Structures are given as C-alpha cells and as structure tokens.
Amino acid sequence: MSKAHRGKGLRETVAHGRGTCPVCKREGVKVLYELEIDGQKVKICKTCKATLANKKKAEVAK
C-alpha cells in the first residue's frame, strides 16, 4: 500500500507538508491534497478533502 502522504515523500516539501488549510483555517495540519476550488488549485487537509467528497456524493445521489 502506498504511503505517499505519511513521511519520507514529505521531507522534500516546505515545512514537511504542514501549513494552514484554506478551507477550515486550521494551522499546523498536513495540506497535501490538491483540489480545484473556484477555478484555483489549492492544497487542503485530509478532513476537508473527505468532507467535500462526501458532499459531492450526496448531491449526485439526489
């Protein structure tokens, strides 16, 4: 199983992949997941990625 968002691959990134999530405004979390929001590609945290994916699935189901 791939561990791309865990450790060794993050050593090269700035602050080891940590920063402030533009969606939930939490600080010091890993912002690793790229998503297009309002036409801009931004990096968001894992919980925001899951939340947005679940909202999208709920809309499709309706």
N, C-alpha and C. Protein backbone atom coordinates (compact mmCIF):
# COMPACT_ATOMS: atom_id res chain seq x y z
N MET A 1 0.84 -1.18 0.00
CA MET A 1 0.00 0.00 0.00
C MET A 1 0.89 1.25 0.00
N SER A 2 0.52 2.22 -0.75
CA SER A 2 1.29 3.45 -0.88
C SER A 2 1.18 4.31 0.38
N LYS A 3 2.29 4.95 0.71
CA LYS A 3 2.31 5.82 1.89
C LYS A 3 2.82 7.21 1.48
N ALA A 4 2.28 7.74 0.40
CA ALA A 4 2.76 8.99 -0.18
C ALA A 4 2.53 10.19 0.72
N HIS A 5 1.54 10.13 1.60
CA HIS A 5 1.22 11.29 2.43
C HIS A 5 1.64 11.09 3.89
N ARG A 6 2.64 10.24 4.12
CA ARG A 6 3.00 9.93 5.51
C ARG A 6 4.31 10.52 5.97
N GLY A 7 5.42 10.30 5.26
CA GLY A 7 6.67 10.75 5.83
C GLY A 7 7.78 10.99 4.85
N LYS A 8 8.39 9.93 4.33
CA LYS A 8 9.59 10.06 3.51
C LYS A 8 9.38 10.95 2.30
N GLY A 9 8.24 10.85 1.65
CA GLY A 9 7.96 11.69 0.48
C GLY A 9 7.71 13.14 0.83
N LEU A 10 7.45 13.42 2.09
CA LEU A 10 7.17 14.79 2.52
C LEU A 10 8.42 15.56 2.95
N ARG A 11 9.53 14.88 3.07
CA ARG A 11 10.76 15.54 3.54
C ARG A 11 11.20 16.66 2.61
N GLU A 12 10.93 16.50 1.31
CA GLU A 12 11.37 17.50 0.33
C GLU A 12 10.44 18.71 0.28
N THR A 13 9.21 18.58 0.78
CA THR A 13 8.26 19.69 0.69
C THR A 13 8.55 20.74 1.77
N VAL A 14 8.03 21.91 1.57
CA VAL A 14 8.22 23.00 2.51
C VAL A 14 7.51 22.66 3.81
N ALA A 15 8.18 22.80 4.92
CA ALA A 15 7.63 22.53 6.26
C ALA A 15 7.08 21.11 6.37
N HIS A 16 7.66 20.19 5.60
CA HIS A 16 7.25 18.79 5.60
C HIS A 16 5.75 18.63 5.31
N GLY A 17 5.21 19.49 4.47
CA GLY A 17 3.82 19.39 4.05
C GLY A 17 2.82 20.03 4.99
N ARG A 18 3.29 20.68 6.02
CA ARG A 18 2.37 21.27 7.00
C ARG A 18 2.14 22.74 6.71
N GLY A 19 0.95 23.20 7.08
CA GLY A 19 0.59 24.59 6.85
C GLY A 19 -0.81 24.86 7.33
N THR A 20 -1.44 25.88 6.78
CA THR A 20 -2.80 26.24 7.13
C THR A 20 -3.74 25.85 6.00
N CYS A 21 -4.78 25.13 6.35
CA CYS A 21 -5.77 24.71 5.35
C CYS A 21 -6.63 25.91 4.97
N PRO A 22 -6.77 26.20 3.66
CA PRO A 22 -7.57 27.35 3.25
C PRO A 22 -9.07 27.16 3.43
N VAL A 23 -9.52 25.94 3.62
CA VAL A 23 -10.96 25.67 3.77
C VAL A 23 -11.39 25.80 5.23
N CYS A 24 -10.71 25.07 6.13
CA CYS A 24 -11.13 25.05 7.53
C CYS A 24 -10.30 25.99 8.41
N LYS A 25 -9.24 26.56 7.86
CA LYS A 25 -8.37 27.53 8.54
C LYS A 25 -7.60 26.94 9.73
N ARG A 26 -7.48 25.61 9.80
CA ARG A 26 -6.68 25.02 10.87
C ARG A 26 -5.21 25.18 10.54
N GLU A 27 -4.40 25.37 11.56
CA GLU A 27 -2.96 25.59 11.38
C GLU A 27 -2.19 24.35 11.81
N GLY A 28 -1.05 24.12 11.16
CA GLY A 28 -0.17 23.04 11.54
C GLY A 28 -0.62 21.67 11.09
N VAL A 29 -1.54 21.59 10.14
CA VAL A 29 -2.00 20.30 9.62
C VAL A 29 -1.34 20.04 8.28
N LYS A 30 -1.30 18.79 7.88
CA LYS A 30 -0.74 18.45 6.58
C LYS A 30 -1.71 18.90 5.49
N VAL A 31 -1.25 19.76 4.63
CA VAL A 31 -2.06 20.21 3.48
C VAL A 31 -1.44 19.59 2.23
N LEU A 32 -1.96 18.44 1.86
CA LEU A 32 -1.32 17.63 0.83
C LEU A 32 -2.20 17.33 -0.37
N TYR A 33 -3.48 17.49 -0.24
CA TYR A 33 -4.40 17.04 -1.26
C TYR A 33 -4.82 18.20 -2.14
N GLU A 34 -4.48 18.12 -3.44
CA GLU A 34 -4.82 19.19 -4.37
C GLU A 34 -6.27 19.06 -4.80
N LEU A 35 -6.94 20.20 -4.82
CA LEU A 35 -8.34 20.25 -5.24
C LEU A 35 -8.58 21.58 -5.92
N GLU A 36 -9.45 21.59 -6.90
CA GLU A 36 -9.77 22.83 -7.59
C GLU A 36 -11.00 23.46 -6.95
N ILE A 37 -10.81 24.64 -6.37
CA ILE A 37 -11.90 25.37 -5.73
C ILE A 37 -11.96 26.75 -6.37
N ASP A 38 -13.11 27.08 -6.91
CA ASP A 38 -13.33 28.37 -7.59
C ASP A 38 -12.31 28.63 -8.68
N GLY A 39 -11.95 27.59 -9.43
CA GLY A 39 -11.03 27.75 -10.54
C GLY A 39 -9.56 27.80 -10.16
N GLN A 40 -9.25 27.67 -8.89
CA GLN A 40 -7.86 27.68 -8.44
C GLN A 40 -7.51 26.33 -7.83
N LYS A 41 -6.29 25.85 -8.11
CA LYS A 41 -5.84 24.62 -7.47
C LYS A 41 -5.24 24.99 -6.12
N VAL A 42 -5.80 24.42 -5.07
CA VAL A 42 -5.30 24.66 -3.72
C VAL A 42 -5.03 23.32 -3.06
N LYS A 43 -4.17 23.34 -2.06
CA LYS A 43 -3.89 22.14 -1.28
C LYS A 43 -4.68 22.23 0.02
N ILE A 44 -5.43 21.15 0.32
CA ILE A 44 -6.28 21.14 1.50
C ILE A 44 -5.91 19.96 2.39
N CYS A 45 -6.45 19.94 3.60
CA CYS A 45 -6.16 18.87 4.55
C CYS A 45 -7.04 17.65 4.26
N LYS A 46 -6.73 16.56 4.93
CA LYS A 46 -7.41 15.30 4.69
C LYS A 46 -8.89 15.35 5.08
N THR A 47 -9.21 16.00 6.18
CA THR A 47 -10.61 16.04 6.62
C THR A 47 -11.46 16.88 5.68
N CYS A 48 -10.92 17.98 5.19
CA CYS A 48 -11.68 18.80 4.24
C CYS A 48 -11.86 18.07 2.92
N LYS A 49 -10.86 17.32 2.49
CA LYS A 49 -10.99 16.53 1.27
C LYS A 49 -12.12 15.53 1.41
N ALA A 50 -12.18 14.84 2.54
CA ALA A 50 -13.23 13.85 2.76
C ALA A 50 -14.60 14.51 2.85
N THR A 51 -14.68 15.65 3.52
CA THR A 51 -15.95 16.36 3.67
C THR A 51 -16.48 16.81 2.32
N LEU A 52 -15.63 17.38 1.50
CA LEU A 52 -16.05 17.85 0.19
C LEU A 52 -16.44 16.68 -0.72
N ALA A 53 -15.72 15.57 -0.61
CA ALA A 53 -16.05 14.39 -1.41
C ALA A 53 -17.40 13.82 -1.00
N ASN A 54 -17.68 13.78 0.29
CA ASN A 54 -18.96 13.26 0.77
C ASN A 54 -20.12 14.16 0.35
N LYS A 55 -19.91 15.48 0.38
CA LYS A 55 -20.96 16.40 -0.07
C LYS A 55 -21.24 16.20 -1.56
N LYS A 56 -20.18 15.99 -2.33
CA LYS A 56 -20.35 15.79 -3.76
C LYS A 56 -21.12 14.49 -4.04
N LYS A 57 -20.81 13.43 -3.30
CA LYS A 57 -21.52 12.16 -3.46
C LYS A 57 -22.99 12.30 -3.09
N ALA A 58 -23.29 13.08 -2.06
CA ALA A 58 -24.67 13.28 -1.64
C ALA A 58 -25.47 14.03 -2.70
N GLU A 59 -24.84 15.02 -3.34
CA GLU A 59 -25.51 15.77 -4.40
C GLU A 59 -25.80 14.89 -5.60
N VAL A 60 -24.85 14.03 -5.94
CA VAL A 60 -25.04 13.13 -7.09
C VAL A 60 -26.15 12.13 -6.81
N ALA A 61 -26.26 11.68 -5.56
CA ALA A 61 -27.28 10.71 -5.20
C ALA A 61 -28.70 11.29 -5.29
N LYS A 62 -28.83 12.58 -5.11
CA LYS A 62 -30.15 13.22 -5.17
C LYS A 62 -30.52 13.42 -6.59
